[in-house]
Structure formats: structure tokens, C-alpha cells
Amino acid sequence: MTTIEQQSGAAQRGVSRKGLGVGKVGAIGGAIIGVSAVAPAYTLTSGLGPVVAEVGLQVPAVLLIGFVPMLFVLFGYRELNAAMPDSGTSFTWATRAFGPWLGWMAGWGLVASTILVLSNLAAVAVDFLFILLAQITGDESLADLTRVLWLNLLCTGLFVAGAAWISYRGVEATKKVQIGLVIFQLGALGWYVVAALVAVANGDGFDPQQVDASWFDPFAASSLSALSAGVSLAIFLFWGWDTVVTMNEEAKDPKRTPGRAAIATIVITMAVYLFVTIATLAYAGVGETGLGAGNPENQESIFAVLSAPIMGPFAILVSIAILLSSAASLQSTMISPSRTILAMGHYGAMPSAFRTVSPRFRSPSVATLASAIVAMALYAVMRVLSENALWDTISALGMMVCFYYGITGLAAAWYFRRSWRSGVRRALSRIVLPLLGGLALLALFCKTAVDSIDPAFGSGSALFATRYDADGMAQDGIGLVFVASVGILLLGVVLMLVQAARHPAFFRGEVLPVAVDDPDAADDDELAHDEGAATAERN
């Protein structure tokens, strides 16, 4: 059957299966993969410092603010997944709600942000690999090997390749790898929290701070720009829970399991973040010297600095946890872009080669390979342009996540717009909460995009800079965070126009048509996830 014929069939069916394995993931397994994708140990060591730099002691407030729109959008994800359990998630849902053009950009936002973080994950794993070697051997110079460009790129590439190989082997292999890794990193972070609070209680903190209600007051932040930048970074801290939703076609109960796993993931993540953040601020304070959490030299990897004075010889557990967390998240995060790219290829929004599924492992083969290659290439470019590539990619990632999460929230509100007649609960979970969350995230995206034009935003790296201060911070030019985030979106527009010219069926609405009927009445008829197909795939 030709691609055109396959697309015509898809047009008649609407949302359809793609050949992935069926019944592979339950709620507990999904939550484990979700926590792994969020990667609390990696995320905190990479993201906590930059948030402190923006808002100081108000980090807990920023975390709570960032949590609210995430939670609101999660309701939209849950409802959309129950109606259309499709691995394309944001891409498929936005297409069904708004049409192919905005749907394509939502898919691109998801793919670009996850690919952006893949290389970041691998780079953090490399950093802590050398830190761990230094701790084991007692030779501190080994930790500096990560600054050797060719060695850093080589090791990062090996981590990316290893993650792609495990992901290619399917979600069952992913789930088995993740269980022990998640338990270990949560245990190590728990030890860190207890040790830090005990040190503060004994008067042994670096800059002991008494936990105060003002830490939870967003109005205590220095400015609106600082608050918006901090919240954008906090969005990065929570990002990753939607990975479990992209596995919906492989879940034991595609309509319910992903939503339950996502809720469990985000609640566990919030609890871990608050405990670790409070312990860190109480022990180190937010000063810009020494072990202070506001010290610019501590920004890219705060645990690398604080774990030894807090935990003594047991600091090696945190280094191992971050190394494992980065590697585990690298592998589990690979799930998301590969399945979205698979869906885009399946529906004709990307070249048909991306619809290829491994007949043995029932996983996206070409899409997984493409994700790994592009992630490594992007990291190499960012690393060459800026020594602070990790900080800048985190800031850019926060903006990208706000973009596609925001569109998904609006897609839920619009797709279910007639549900206001079905009762208060459905109106809230399907329309009101996703709408509020989506609008908040898109507003944050716009605000941060404007602010990031300033070269001082993020690490202070910029393109076309001609003047620098004594610390090497750019005084003019265009901020690298703005270039990375907005530039990636513009690249998506170009690729979308090229694909529309070569294969216009999807962009004419012939393959994945916009929903025009009441979804409550049409769900069962328009989905191809019927029991007969599922049974045939299991056999």
C-alpha cells in the first residue's frame, strides 16, 4: 500500500494506531518512567541555581506558581488522552482542535524541547561522571576533564547513543532499567535533605537561614521580570511528566492509565522539590560567594558544590544519583520525541520514513535515531557558542515547554467547548482549568521571549556582541536564549512549509480532520483503538 493510500485510510479513520506494542505499561510503571523523565536529581542540580539567581529566597513561591499552570494543563492532557489516546499527544490534539498548521507547530514545540533537553541530560551525566571519578580516585583534576571540548562531546555522544539503543528496544526495556535508578536517586536526595537540615539545626550551615513564610510569597521577588524568568525556569523543573502520556498507545488502559501516572508523577515531583529546595536555602543561603546558592560559579551544578560539605564522604551517593538520574532521564525522555515524530510521520506531517516501527521491539526506529542525532548536533553547536551551554539550554527549554503546553491547554478548552453543558466537574476539568493554564503559560512564553532579547538574560552569552564587561558578560548583541528558543520555532515554520509543499494532504485537513461534532458523542466512533485491533496486536 502506498503512502497516499495509507493517508487516505487514515483520513477516513481519523486517529489511528501506528504499530506500537499494546498493554506494556501500567499506572505504577508509567509513574516510575514519569519521575525518571522529570529526573529530580538532575533537574535540581541544573535548574535550582539559575532559579535562585533570579528570585533568591522566593524559590519555593516560584515552584508553587509554576506548579499551578502545570496542574491545570495536566487536566487538559488527561481529558484529551481519554478522548484520543494517541502517541502524537499535543500534535494530534491541537490538530483535531485547531487544524493542521497550529497542530504541526505544537508537535514541533514538543519535539524541539525534548531534543533540546536530551543533550543537556547527557552533558550533565558527563560532568558527574568525571566528578565521580575524581571522588573515587581522590584526584580533583579529573573533574576538570569535562571542560576539554572534544572529550566532552565524545562522552556526551556515547551517552546519547546508549540511551537511544535502550529506547529502541521498547518501553518494557525502559521500565526495567528505570525502577532501581528512580529508587536510588530519591533515596540519595532524601539523605541530602536530612543531612542539610541536621547541619542547620546544629549551627553548621554555610549561611544558615530560618525558614520563613516570605519564601512562599511571590510578591517578595525583586521584579516582575525576575519572577517571570524564575517561573519559566520552574516550568523546566516540572517538565517531563507528559512523557507518560506519549506512551498511551502502549498502556494497559490507554484512556485512564496515562492520566493517573501523570498525576502521581507531578505530585511526587512537587514534594521532592520543596523539601530539597528548602533544605538547600536553609543551609547555604542565597549569597554570591563561597557555597552560597546565588554564587554564579555554583549555578550550573549546585549539588556538585554542596553535597560534600553537607554529606561528607557520603556525597558520592549524590554524584552517583545525579549521574544515574541524568542517564535514566536521557533514556526515558527519548520516548517522547520519538513517538511524536512517529505520529507526525504516520499522519503525513513529516516524511513517511519516520513512521517506521521496529517489527521486533514495536518501537519507533527511525524517529529514535533521528532524535539522538539531532540532539547531539544541537548540543555541539550550543557548546561551541557558549561555555554556559547548560544554563542557556535550560532557559530556552523553559520557553519551549510553555509554548507547547500552552497550546495543548487551549486545545483542550476548544475541543471540549461544548462540555459546559455536561456539568460543573466536566466544565472545570475540560475547559476552565486547561484554559487558565494554557493562557498563563503562553503569556509567560511571550514575556520571557521579550526579556531574553537582552544579552544579560541567562548566562550573559549573546550573538553579534561587540562589548563585554570585566566578567566576560555581553553588553550588546542578541541574547543566546532568545536566539535558541525563537530561532528553533522559526526553523519549525520553515520545515512545516517545506513539508506542506511536498506532501500537502495533511495540511489540507484530509488525513487528520478537525473535530466538528460533540466529542462526548463521537469518541467511540472516531477512534481506531478498538478492542479487536488491540487483541490482534497482542497476538
Protein backbone atom coordinates (compact mmCIF):
# COMPACT_ATOMS: atom_id res chain seq x y z
CA MET A 1 0.00 0.00 0.00
CA THR A 2 1.40 3.42 -0.91
CA THR A 3 1.80 6.30 1.48
CA ILE A 4 -1.03 8.20 -0.20
CA GLU A 5 -3.36 5.23 0.15
CA GLN A 6 -2.36 4.83 3.80
CA GLN A 7 -3.01 8.51 4.42
CA SER A 8 -6.38 8.27 2.73
CA GLY A 9 -7.26 5.40 5.04
CA ALA A 10 -6.13 7.45 7.99
CA ALA A 11 -8.33 10.29 6.82
CA GLN A 12 -11.34 8.02 6.96
CA ARG A 13 -10.46 6.75 10.43
CA GLY A 14 -9.12 9.96 11.99
CA VAL A 15 -6.90 8.98 14.91
CA SER A 16 -5.36 5.55 14.30
CA ARG A 17 -2.81 3.08 15.63
CA LYS A 18 0.80 3.09 14.49
CA GLY A 19 2.02 -0.43 15.22
CA LEU A 20 3.43 0.16 18.70
CA GLY A 21 3.27 -2.56 21.35
CA VAL A 22 0.00 -2.87 23.28
CA GLY A 23 -0.62 -3.31 27.02
CA LYS A 24 3.02 -2.80 28.05
CA VAL A 25 2.74 -0.08 30.73
CA GLY A 26 0.59 0.16 33.86
CA ALA A 27 -0.01 3.13 36.17
CA ILE A 28 2.89 2.30 38.53
CA GLY A 29 5.31 1.61 35.69
CA GLY A 30 4.16 4.80 33.97
CA ALA A 31 4.71 6.85 37.14
CA ILE A 32 8.22 5.40 37.51
CA ILE A 33 9.06 6.35 33.94
CA GLY A 34 7.47 9.77 34.54
CA VAL A 35 9.58 10.50 37.63
CA SER A 36 12.62 9.27 35.71
CA ALA A 37 11.85 11.64 32.84
CA VAL A 38 11.48 14.58 35.23
CA ALA A 39 14.75 13.39 36.85
CA PRO A 40 14.62 15.28 40.18
CA ALA A 41 18.34 14.86 40.95
CA TYR A 42 19.48 16.06 37.51
CA THR A 43 16.84 18.79 37.24
CA LEU A 44 17.56 20.31 40.63
CA THR A 45 21.33 20.37 40.22
CA SER A 46 20.92 22.02 36.79
CA GLY A 47 17.92 24.25 37.42
CA LEU A 48 17.90 25.26 41.08
CA GLY A 49 20.89 27.58 40.80
CA PRO A 50 19.50 29.64 37.90
CA VAL A 51 16.14 29.99 39.71
CA VAL A 52 17.93 31.21 42.85
CA ALA A 53 19.85 33.70 40.70
CA GLU A 54 16.54 35.17 39.52
CA VAL A 55 14.39 35.19 42.67
CA GLY A 56 16.63 34.46 45.67
CA LEU A 57 14.80 33.06 48.69
CA GLN A 58 11.46 33.10 46.86
CA VAL A 59 12.26 29.85 45.04
CA PRO A 60 9.52 27.91 46.94
CA ALA A 61 6.98 30.55 45.85
CA VAL A 62 8.13 30.27 42.26
CA LEU A 63 7.86 26.47 42.41
CA LEU A 64 4.29 26.72 43.64
CA ILE A 65 3.41 29.27 40.95
CA GLY A 66 4.96 27.10 38.25
CA PHE A 67 3.13 24.07 39.62
CA VAL A 68 -0.34 25.63 39.28
CA PRO A 69 -0.49 26.13 35.47
CA MET A 70 1.21 22.75 35.03
CA LEU A 71 -1.53 21.13 37.13
CA PHE A 72 -4.25 22.97 35.23
CA VAL A 73 -2.84 21.88 31.87
CA LEU A 74 -2.49 18.34 33.18
CA PHE A 75 -6.29 18.19 33.49
CA GLY A 76 -6.46 19.03 29.79
CA TYR A 77 -3.94 16.31 28.98
CA ARG A 78 -5.95 13.78 30.98
CA GLU A 79 -9.23 14.62 29.27
CA LEU A 80 -7.75 14.76 25.77
CA ASN A 81 -5.99 11.47 26.31
CA ALA A 82 -9.25 9.84 27.47
CA ALA A 83 -10.91 11.04 24.26
CA MET A 84 -7.97 10.44 21.89
CA PRO A 85 -5.22 8.17 23.28
CA ASP A 86 -2.70 8.89 20.54
CA SER A 87 1.11 8.91 20.81
CA GLY A 88 1.20 12.25 18.99
CA THR A 89 -0.37 13.93 22.07
CA SER A 90 0.00 17.73 21.66
CA PHE A 91 0.45 17.42 17.90
CA THR A 92 -2.61 15.22 17.37
CA TRP A 93 -4.83 17.04 19.85
CA ALA A 94 -4.01 20.56 18.62
CA THR A 95 -4.59 19.37 15.04
CA ARG A 96 -8.01 17.98 15.94
CA ALA A 97 -8.87 21.19 17.79
CA PHE A 98 -7.33 23.96 15.67
CA GLY A 99 -6.27 22.42 12.39
CA PRO A 100 -3.04 21.13 10.84
CA TRP A 101 -0.91 24.28 10.95
CA LEU A 102 -1.13 25.04 14.64
CA GLY A 103 -1.14 21.31 15.35
CA TRP A 104 2.16 20.93 13.49
CA MET A 105 3.74 23.75 15.50
CA ALA A 106 2.56 22.21 18.78
CA GLY A 107 4.19 18.96 17.74
CA TRP A 108 7.34 20.79 16.73
CA GLY A 109 7.44 22.57 20.09
CA LEU A 110 7.28 19.22 21.89
CA VAL A 111 9.90 17.60 19.66
CA ALA A 112 12.26 20.59 19.78
CA SER A 113 12.07 21.00 23.56
CA THR A 114 12.66 17.32 24.27
CA ILE A 115 15.53 17.11 21.81
CA LEU A 116 16.95 20.28 23.38
CA VAL A 117 16.99 18.65 26.81
CA LEU A 118 18.35 15.29 25.63
CA SER A 119 21.80 16.72 25.01
CA ASN A 120 21.60 18.68 28.25
CA LEU A 121 20.90 15.48 30.16
CA ALA A 122 23.84 13.74 28.52
CA ALA A 123 26.13 16.68 29.28
CA VAL A 124 25.20 16.66 32.98
CA ALA A 125 25.80 12.91 33.06
CA VAL A 126 29.28 13.53 31.62
CA ASP A 127 30.00 16.26 34.19
CA PHE A 128 29.13 13.97 37.07
CA LEU A 129 30.94 11.03 35.53
CA PHE A 130 34.19 12.97 35.85
CA ILE A 131 33.22 14.33 39.29
CA LEU A 132 32.57 10.74 40.40
CA LEU A 133 35.94 9.62 39.04
CA ALA A 134 37.60 12.47 40.93
CA GLN A 135 35.84 11.45 44.15
CA ILE A 136 36.77 7.79 43.75
CA THR A 137 40.44 8.41 42.91
CA GLY A 138 40.98 11.50 45.05
CA ASP A 139 42.40 13.32 42.03
CA GLU A 140 40.36 16.53 41.77
CA SER A 141 41.89 17.38 38.38
CA LEU A 142 39.81 14.62 36.79
CA ALA A 143 36.65 16.69 37.37
CA ASP A 144 38.07 19.36 35.04
CA LEU A 145 38.26 16.94 32.11
CA THR A 146 34.64 17.79 31.32
CA ARG A 147 35.92 21.19 30.13
CA VAL A 148 38.01 19.53 27.41
CA LEU A 149 35.74 20.16 24.43
CA TRP A 150 36.49 17.10 22.30
CA LEU A 151 36.34 14.74 25.28
CA ASN A 152 33.09 16.29 26.49
CA LEU A 153 31.48 15.94 23.06
CA LEU A 154 32.71 12.35 22.70
CA CYS A 155 31.36 11.22 26.07
CA THR A 156 28.09 13.10 25.58
CA GLY A 157 27.65 11.36 22.25
CA LEU A 158 28.22 7.96 23.84
CA PHE A 159 25.55 8.65 26.47
CA VAL A 160 23.07 9.75 23.79
CA ALA A 161 23.81 6.65 21.72
CA GLY A 162 23.32 4.35 24.72
CA ALA A 163 20.00 5.95 25.60
CA ALA A 164 18.80 5.65 22.01
CA TRP A 165 19.70 1.95 21.95
CA ILE A 166 17.69 1.19 25.11
CA SER A 167 14.75 3.28 23.91
CA TYR A 168 14.81 1.46 20.57
CA ARG A 169 14.35 -1.81 22.45
CA GLY A 170 10.90 -0.63 23.60
CA VAL A 171 9.07 0.53 26.72
CA GLU A 172 9.46 -2.78 28.54
CA ALA A 173 13.25 -2.42 28.46
CA THR A 174 12.83 1.20 29.53
CA LYS A 175 10.65 0.27 32.51
CA LYS A 176 13.07 -2.40 33.76
CA VAL A 177 16.03 -0.01 33.59
CA GLN A 178 14.20 2.77 35.45
CA ILE A 179 12.89 1.13 38.64
CA GLY A 180 16.17 0.81 40.53
CA LEU A 181 17.51 4.10 39.20
CA VAL A 182 14.49 6.09 40.41
CA ILE A 183 14.54 4.49 43.87
CA PHE A 184 18.27 5.22 44.26
CA GLN A 185 18.07 8.88 43.28
CA LEU A 186 15.07 9.58 45.54
CA GLY A 187 16.89 7.87 48.42
CA ALA A 188 20.04 9.94 47.85
CA LEU A 189 18.05 13.19 47.73
CA GLY A 190 16.26 12.21 50.94
CA TRP A 191 19.63 11.69 52.65
CA TYR A 192 20.81 15.11 51.36
CA VAL A 193 17.71 16.83 52.79
CA VAL A 194 18.04 15.22 56.22
CA ALA A 195 21.79 15.91 56.41
CA ALA A 196 21.31 19.57 55.42
CA LEU A 197 18.56 20.20 57.95
CA VAL A 198 20.52 18.44 60.71
CA ALA A 199 23.57 20.61 59.91
CA VAL A 200 21.44 23.77 60.11
CA ALA A 201 19.92 22.65 63.42
CA ASN A 202 23.44 22.09 64.78
CA GLY A 203 24.59 25.51 63.60
CA ASP A 204 26.90 24.04 60.96
CA GLY A 205 25.30 25.55 57.84
CA PHE A 206 27.35 27.74 55.50
CA ASP A 207 24.89 30.65 55.71
CA PRO A 208 22.03 29.28 57.86
CA GLN A 209 18.61 30.71 57.08
CA GLN A 210 15.48 30.31 59.16
CA VAL A 211 12.62 29.03 57.03
CA ASP A 212 10.18 31.91 56.72
CA ALA A 213 6.72 32.47 55.25
CA SER A 214 8.20 35.10 52.90
CA TRP A 215 9.90 32.27 50.98
CA PHE A 216 6.44 31.35 49.75
CA ASP A 217 5.46 34.95 48.85
CA PRO A 218 5.91 35.70 45.12
CA PHE A 219 5.42 39.44 45.73
CA ALA A 220 8.69 39.49 47.63
CA ALA A 221 10.59 38.93 44.35
CA SER A 222 12.70 41.85 43.16
CA SER A 223 10.74 42.49 39.92
CA LEU A 224 8.12 41.09 37.58
CA SER A 225 10.82 40.22 35.04
CA ALA A 226 12.77 38.28 37.66
CA LEU A 227 9.59 36.49 38.73
CA SER A 228 8.62 35.56 35.15
CA ALA A 229 12.14 34.34 34.42
CA GLY A 230 12.09 32.29 37.61
CA VAL A 231 8.70 30.75 36.80
CA SER A 232 9.87 29.93 33.28
CA LEU A 233 12.81 28.07 34.78
CA ALA A 234 10.46 26.40 37.28
CA ILE A 235 8.43 25.11 34.33
CA PHE A 236 11.60 23.34 33.22
CA LEU A 237 11.90 21.78 36.67
CA PHE A 238 8.44 20.20 36.37
CA TRP A 239 8.67 19.35 32.71
CA GLY A 240 8.78 15.70 31.68
CA TRP A 241 5.62 14.24 33.21
CA ASP A 242 3.92 14.27 29.80
CA THR A 243 6.32 11.54 28.66
CA VAL A 244 3.97 9.01 30.26
CA VAL A 245 1.13 10.32 28.11
CA THR A 246 3.06 9.77 24.88
CA MET A 247 3.09 6.06 25.80
CA ASN A 248 -0.72 5.97 25.82
CA GLU A 249 -1.00 3.57 22.90
CA GLU A 250 1.27 1.16 24.80
CA ALA A 251 -0.59 1.48 28.13
CA LYS A 252 -2.71 -1.28 29.63
CA ASP A 253 -5.67 1.11 29.75
CA PRO A 254 -4.89 3.80 27.14
CA LYS A 255 -7.68 6.14 28.24
CA ARG A 256 -7.04 6.12 32.01
CA THR A 257 -3.58 4.81 32.88
CA PRO A 258 -1.54 7.73 31.42
CA GLY A 259 -3.60 10.33 33.30
CA ARG A 260 -3.22 8.52 36.62
CA ALA A 261 0.52 8.07 36.07
CA ALA A 262 0.94 11.75 35.17
CA ILE A 263 -0.85 12.94 38.31
CA ALA A 264 1.27 10.64 40.50
CA THR A 265 4.42 11.90 38.77
CA ILE A 266 3.75 15.60 39.27
CA VAL A 267 2.66 15.21 42.93
CA ILE A 268 5.80 13.20 43.82
CA THR A 269 7.95 15.72 41.95
CA MET A 270 6.44 18.71 43.78
CA ALA A 271 7.07 17.14 47.18
CA VAL A 272 10.70 16.30 46.36
CA TYR A 273 11.39 19.79 45.00
CA LEU A 274 10.02 21.62 48.01
CA PHE A 275 11.97 19.52 50.53
CA VAL A 276 15.26 19.77 48.61
CA THR A 277 14.87 23.49 47.90
CA ILE A 278 14.05 24.40 51.50
CA ALA A 279 16.98 22.32 52.78
CA THR A 280 19.38 23.93 50.29
CA LEU A 281 18.31 27.51 51.06
CA ALA A 282 18.34 26.86 54.80
CA TYR A 283 21.91 25.51 54.64
CA ALA A 284 23.59 27.69 52.00
CA GLY A 285 21.54 30.88 51.77
CA VAL A 286 21.49 32.87 48.53
CA GLY A 287 24.80 34.71 48.82
CA GLU A 288 27.03 35.16 45.79
CA THR A 289 30.25 33.94 47.40
CA GLY A 290 31.53 30.60 48.65
CA LEU A 291 28.87 27.92 48.98
CA GLY A 292 26.01 30.40 48.58
CA ALA A 293 23.28 29.18 46.24
CA GLY A 294 23.45 32.56 44.49
CA ASN A 295 27.14 32.22 43.62
CA PRO A 296 27.40 32.31 39.79
CA GLU A 297 30.14 29.67 39.94
CA ASN A 298 27.67 27.26 41.54
CA GLN A 299 24.83 27.84 39.09
CA GLU A 300 25.31 25.01 36.62
CA SER A 301 25.65 22.22 39.18
CA ILE A 302 24.73 23.21 42.71
CA PHE A 303 24.90 19.68 44.15
CA ALA A 304 28.48 19.30 42.95
CA VAL A 305 29.35 22.15 45.32
CA LEU A 306 27.07 21.46 48.31
CA SER A 307 26.92 17.67 48.58
CA ALA A 308 30.44 17.26 50.06
CA PRO A 309 30.13 19.81 52.90
CA ILE A 310 26.61 18.59 53.71
CA MET A 311 27.07 14.82 53.42
CA GLY A 312 30.80 14.36 53.91
CA PRO A 313 32.11 11.08 52.47
CA PHE A 314 28.57 10.07 51.53
CA ALA A 315 28.47 12.89 48.95
CA ILE A 316 29.47 10.26 46.44
CA LEU A 317 25.89 8.97 46.68
CA VAL A 318 24.58 12.27 45.29
CA SER A 319 27.13 12.20 42.47
CA ILE A 320 26.06 8.65 41.60
CA ALA A 321 22.39 9.66 41.88
CA ILE A 322 22.81 12.61 39.51
CA LEU A 323 24.82 10.53 37.06
CA LEU A 324 22.16 7.81 37.11
CA SER A 325 19.34 10.37 37.09
CA SER A 326 20.74 12.09 34.01
CA ALA A 327 21.35 8.83 32.19
CA ALA A 328 17.96 7.41 33.17
CA SER A 329 16.10 10.58 32.19
CA LEU A 330 18.06 10.75 28.95
CA GLN A 331 16.74 7.32 28.10
CA SER A 332 13.15 7.79 29.28
CA THR A 333 12.88 11.26 27.74
CA MET A 334 13.85 9.73 24.40
CA ILE A 335 10.37 8.17 24.42
CA SER A 336 8.58 11.47 23.94
CA PRO A 337 10.11 12.95 20.74
CA SER A 338 10.40 9.57 19.05
CA ARG A 339 6.69 8.82 19.48
CA THR A 340 5.61 12.32 18.49
CA ILE A 341 7.80 12.16 15.37
CA LEU A 342 6.36 8.71 14.67
CA ALA A 343 2.83 10.12 14.85
CA MET A 344 3.72 13.08 12.62
CA GLY A 345 5.20 10.70 10.06
CA HIS A 346 2.18 8.38 10.36
CA TYR A 347 -0.26 11.19 9.56
CA GLY A 348 1.86 12.71 6.79
CA ALA A 349 3.01 15.79 8.71
CA MET A 350 6.64 14.64 8.41
CA PRO A 351 8.37 12.42 5.81
CA SER A 352 6.95 8.90 5.72
CA ALA A 353 10.29 7.35 6.78
CA PHE A 354 9.55 8.49 10.34
CA ARG A 355 6.53 6.20 10.56
CA THR A 356 8.80 3.15 10.59
CA VAL A 357 8.31 0.84 13.60
CA SER A 358 10.73 -1.93 14.59
CA PRO A 359 8.95 -5.24 13.86
CA ARG A 360 10.82 -6.89 16.74
CA PHE A 361 10.61 -4.31 19.52
CA ARG A 362 7.46 -2.46 18.35
CA SER A 363 9.14 0.89 18.91
CA PRO A 364 9.84 3.89 16.63
CA SER A 365 13.15 3.07 14.94
CA VAL A 366 13.89 5.91 12.52
CA ALA A 367 12.35 8.52 14.83
CA THR A 368 14.51 7.39 17.76
CA LEU A 369 17.69 7.53 15.66
CA ALA A 370 16.79 10.97 14.30
CA SER A 371 16.12 12.32 17.81
CA ALA A 372 19.53 11.15 19.01
CA ILE A 373 21.43 12.58 16.03
CA VAL A 374 19.74 16.00 16.17
CA ALA A 375 20.13 16.23 19.96
CA MET A 376 23.85 15.65 19.72
CA ALA A 377 24.28 18.09 16.84
CA LEU A 378 22.35 20.80 18.68
CA TYR A 379 24.41 20.36 21.83
CA ALA A 380 27.65 20.56 19.86
CA VAL A 381 26.57 23.90 18.36
CA MET A 382 25.45 25.31 21.73
CA ARG A 383 28.65 24.14 23.42
CA VAL A 384 30.82 25.83 20.81
CA LEU A 385 28.83 29.08 21.01
CA SER A 386 28.76 29.23 24.80
CA GLU A 387 30.70 27.64 27.66
CA ASN A 388 27.49 28.05 29.65
CA ALA A 389 25.51 25.90 27.23
CA LEU A 390 23.68 24.07 30.04
CA TRP A 391 22.26 27.23 31.60
CA ASP A 392 21.21 28.70 28.24
CA THR A 393 19.55 25.49 27.01
CA ILE A 394 17.62 25.23 30.30
CA SER A 395 16.31 28.78 29.89
CA ALA A 396 15.40 28.15 26.24
CA LEU A 397 13.78 24.86 27.18
CA GLY A 398 11.51 26.56 29.72
CA MET A 399 10.20 28.83 26.98
CA MET A 400 9.63 25.97 24.55
CA VAL A 401 7.73 23.98 27.17
CA CYS A 402 5.50 26.98 27.92
CA PHE A 403 4.76 27.19 24.19
CA TYR A 404 3.55 23.65 23.54
CA TYR A 405 1.96 23.09 26.95
CA GLY A 406 0.08 26.35 26.47
CA ILE A 407 -1.23 25.31 23.07
CA THR A 408 -2.29 21.94 24.48
CA GLY A 409 -4.23 23.63 27.28
CA LEU A 410 -6.08 25.81 24.78
CA ALA A 411 -6.68 22.79 22.54
CA ALA A 412 -8.44 21.00 25.39
CA ALA A 413 -10.63 24.01 26.14
CA TRP A 414 -11.61 24.41 22.49
CA TYR A 415 -12.05 20.72 21.68
CA PHE A 416 -14.34 20.25 24.69
CA ARG A 417 -16.00 23.66 24.42
CA ARG A 418 -19.49 22.10 24.38
CA SER A 419 -18.83 20.22 27.63
CA TRP A 420 -20.03 23.17 29.69
CA ARG A 421 -23.48 21.62 29.24
CA SER A 422 -22.32 18.33 30.84
CA GLY A 423 -21.96 19.54 34.42
CA VAL A 424 -19.64 21.61 36.56
CA ARG A 425 -16.95 18.94 37.00
CA ARG A 426 -16.52 18.38 33.28
CA ALA A 427 -16.62 22.11 32.56
CA LEU A 428 -13.82 22.71 35.06
CA SER A 429 -11.56 19.80 34.09
CA ARG A 430 -12.10 20.10 30.33
CA ILE A 431 -12.48 23.84 29.75
CA VAL A 432 -11.83 26.25 32.61
CA LEU A 433 -8.66 24.83 34.18
CA PRO A 434 -6.88 23.91 30.89
CA LEU A 435 -7.79 27.35 29.50
CA LEU A 436 -6.38 29.19 32.51
CA GLY A 437 -3.24 27.05 32.50
CA GLY A 438 -2.72 27.43 28.76
CA LEU A 439 -3.18 31.21 28.80
CA ALA A 440 -0.81 31.57 31.76
CA LEU A 441 1.92 29.54 30.08
CA LEU A 442 1.60 31.33 26.73
CA ALA A 443 1.71 34.71 28.50
CA LEU A 444 4.85 33.55 30.31
CA PHE A 445 6.35 32.45 26.99
CA CYS A 446 5.76 35.90 25.46
CA LYS A 447 7.10 37.76 28.50
CA THR A 448 10.24 35.63 28.69
CA ALA A 449 10.81 35.88 24.92
CA VAL A 450 10.87 39.67 25.15
CA ASP A 451 13.14 39.65 28.20
CA SER A 452 15.55 37.12 26.66
CA ILE A 453 16.48 39.50 23.83
CA ASP A 454 18.65 41.26 26.44
CA PRO A 455 22.16 39.71 26.34
CA ALA A 456 22.22 39.76 30.14
CA PHE A 457 19.43 37.17 30.23
CA GLY A 458 20.57 33.67 31.19
CA SER A 459 24.33 33.18 31.21
CA GLY A 460 25.09 36.52 29.56
CA SER A 461 26.07 34.95 26.22
CA ALA A 462 24.96 36.68 23.04
CA LEU A 463 25.30 36.61 19.29
CA PHE A 464 26.72 39.65 17.44
CA ALA A 465 28.15 41.04 20.70
CA THR A 466 30.87 43.66 20.37
CA ARG A 467 31.25 44.81 24.00
CA TYR A 468 31.90 42.73 27.13
CA ASP A 469 32.32 43.60 30.81
CA ALA A 470 35.20 42.51 33.05
CA ASP A 471 33.46 39.18 33.77
CA GLY A 472 33.03 38.38 30.07
CA MET A 473 29.28 39.18 30.03
CA ALA A 474 27.99 40.54 26.73
CA GLN A 475 26.85 44.18 26.84
CA ASP A 476 25.15 44.22 23.45
CA GLY A 477 24.00 41.82 20.76
CA ILE A 478 21.06 39.38 20.92
CA GLY A 479 20.72 37.06 23.90
CA LEU A 480 21.59 33.44 23.11
CA VAL A 481 18.47 32.20 24.93
CA PHE A 482 16.27 34.23 22.58
CA VAL A 483 18.17 33.01 19.54
CA ALA A 484 17.91 29.39 20.64
CA SER A 485 14.20 29.40 21.53
CA VAL A 486 12.64 31.71 18.96
CA GLY A 487 15.11 30.56 16.31
CA ILE A 488 14.06 26.93 16.82
CA LEU A 489 10.39 27.90 16.45
CA LEU A 490 11.15 29.79 13.23
CA LEU A 491 13.05 26.77 11.96
CA GLY A 492 9.89 24.78 12.63
CA VAL A 493 7.88 27.17 10.47
CA VAL A 494 10.34 26.69 7.61
CA LEU A 495 10.26 22.90 7.89
CA MET A 496 6.47 22.97 8.08
CA LEU A 497 6.22 24.98 4.84
CA VAL A 498 8.63 22.60 3.10
CA GLN A 499 6.60 19.56 4.20
CA ALA A 500 3.35 21.26 3.16
CA ALA A 501 4.74 21.85 -0.31
CA ARG A 502 5.95 18.26 -0.70
CA HIS A 503 3.05 16.40 0.97
CA PRO A 504 0.03 18.71 1.23
CA ALA A 505 -2.63 16.12 2.21
CA PHE A 506 -2.15 16.57 5.94
CA PHE A 507 -2.12 20.36 5.67
CA ARG A 508 -5.37 20.29 3.68
CA GLY A 509 -7.03 18.51 6.59
CA GLU A 510 -7.50 15.29 4.63
CA VAL A 511 -5.56 12.98 6.97
CA LEU A 512 -6.40 14.21 10.48
CA PRO A 513 -9.52 16.36 10.16
CA VAL A 514 -10.61 19.00 12.65
CA ALA A 515 -13.30 17.77 15.04
CA VAL A 516 -16.66 19.39 14.29
CA ASP A 517 -19.01 17.25 16.37
CA ASP A 518 -19.57 16.91 20.10
CA PRO A 519 -16.59 14.80 21.27
CA ASP A 520 -18.71 13.24 24.00
CA ALA A 521 -20.86 11.61 21.34
CA ALA A 522 -18.17 10.89 18.76
CA ASP A 523 -15.26 9.50 20.79
CA ASP A 524 -16.10 5.83 20.34
CA ASP A 525 -16.74 6.12 16.61
CA GLU A 526 -13.75 8.19 15.57
CA LEU A 527 -11.03 6.25 17.37
CA ALA A 528 -9.35 3.24 15.81
CA HIS A 529 -8.26 1.92 19.21
CA ASP A 530 -10.92 -0.76 19.19
CA GLU A 531 -10.64 -3.98 21.13
CA GLY A 532 -10.35 -6.09 18.01
CA ALA A 533 -7.28 -4.22 16.81
CA ALA A 534 -5.72 -4.34 20.27
CA THR A 535 -6.31 -8.09 20.54
CA ALA A 536 -4.82 -8.67 17.10
CA GLU A 537 -1.70 -6.68 18.02
CA ARG A 538 -1.24 -8.58 21.29
CA ASN A 539 -1.34 -11.83 19.36
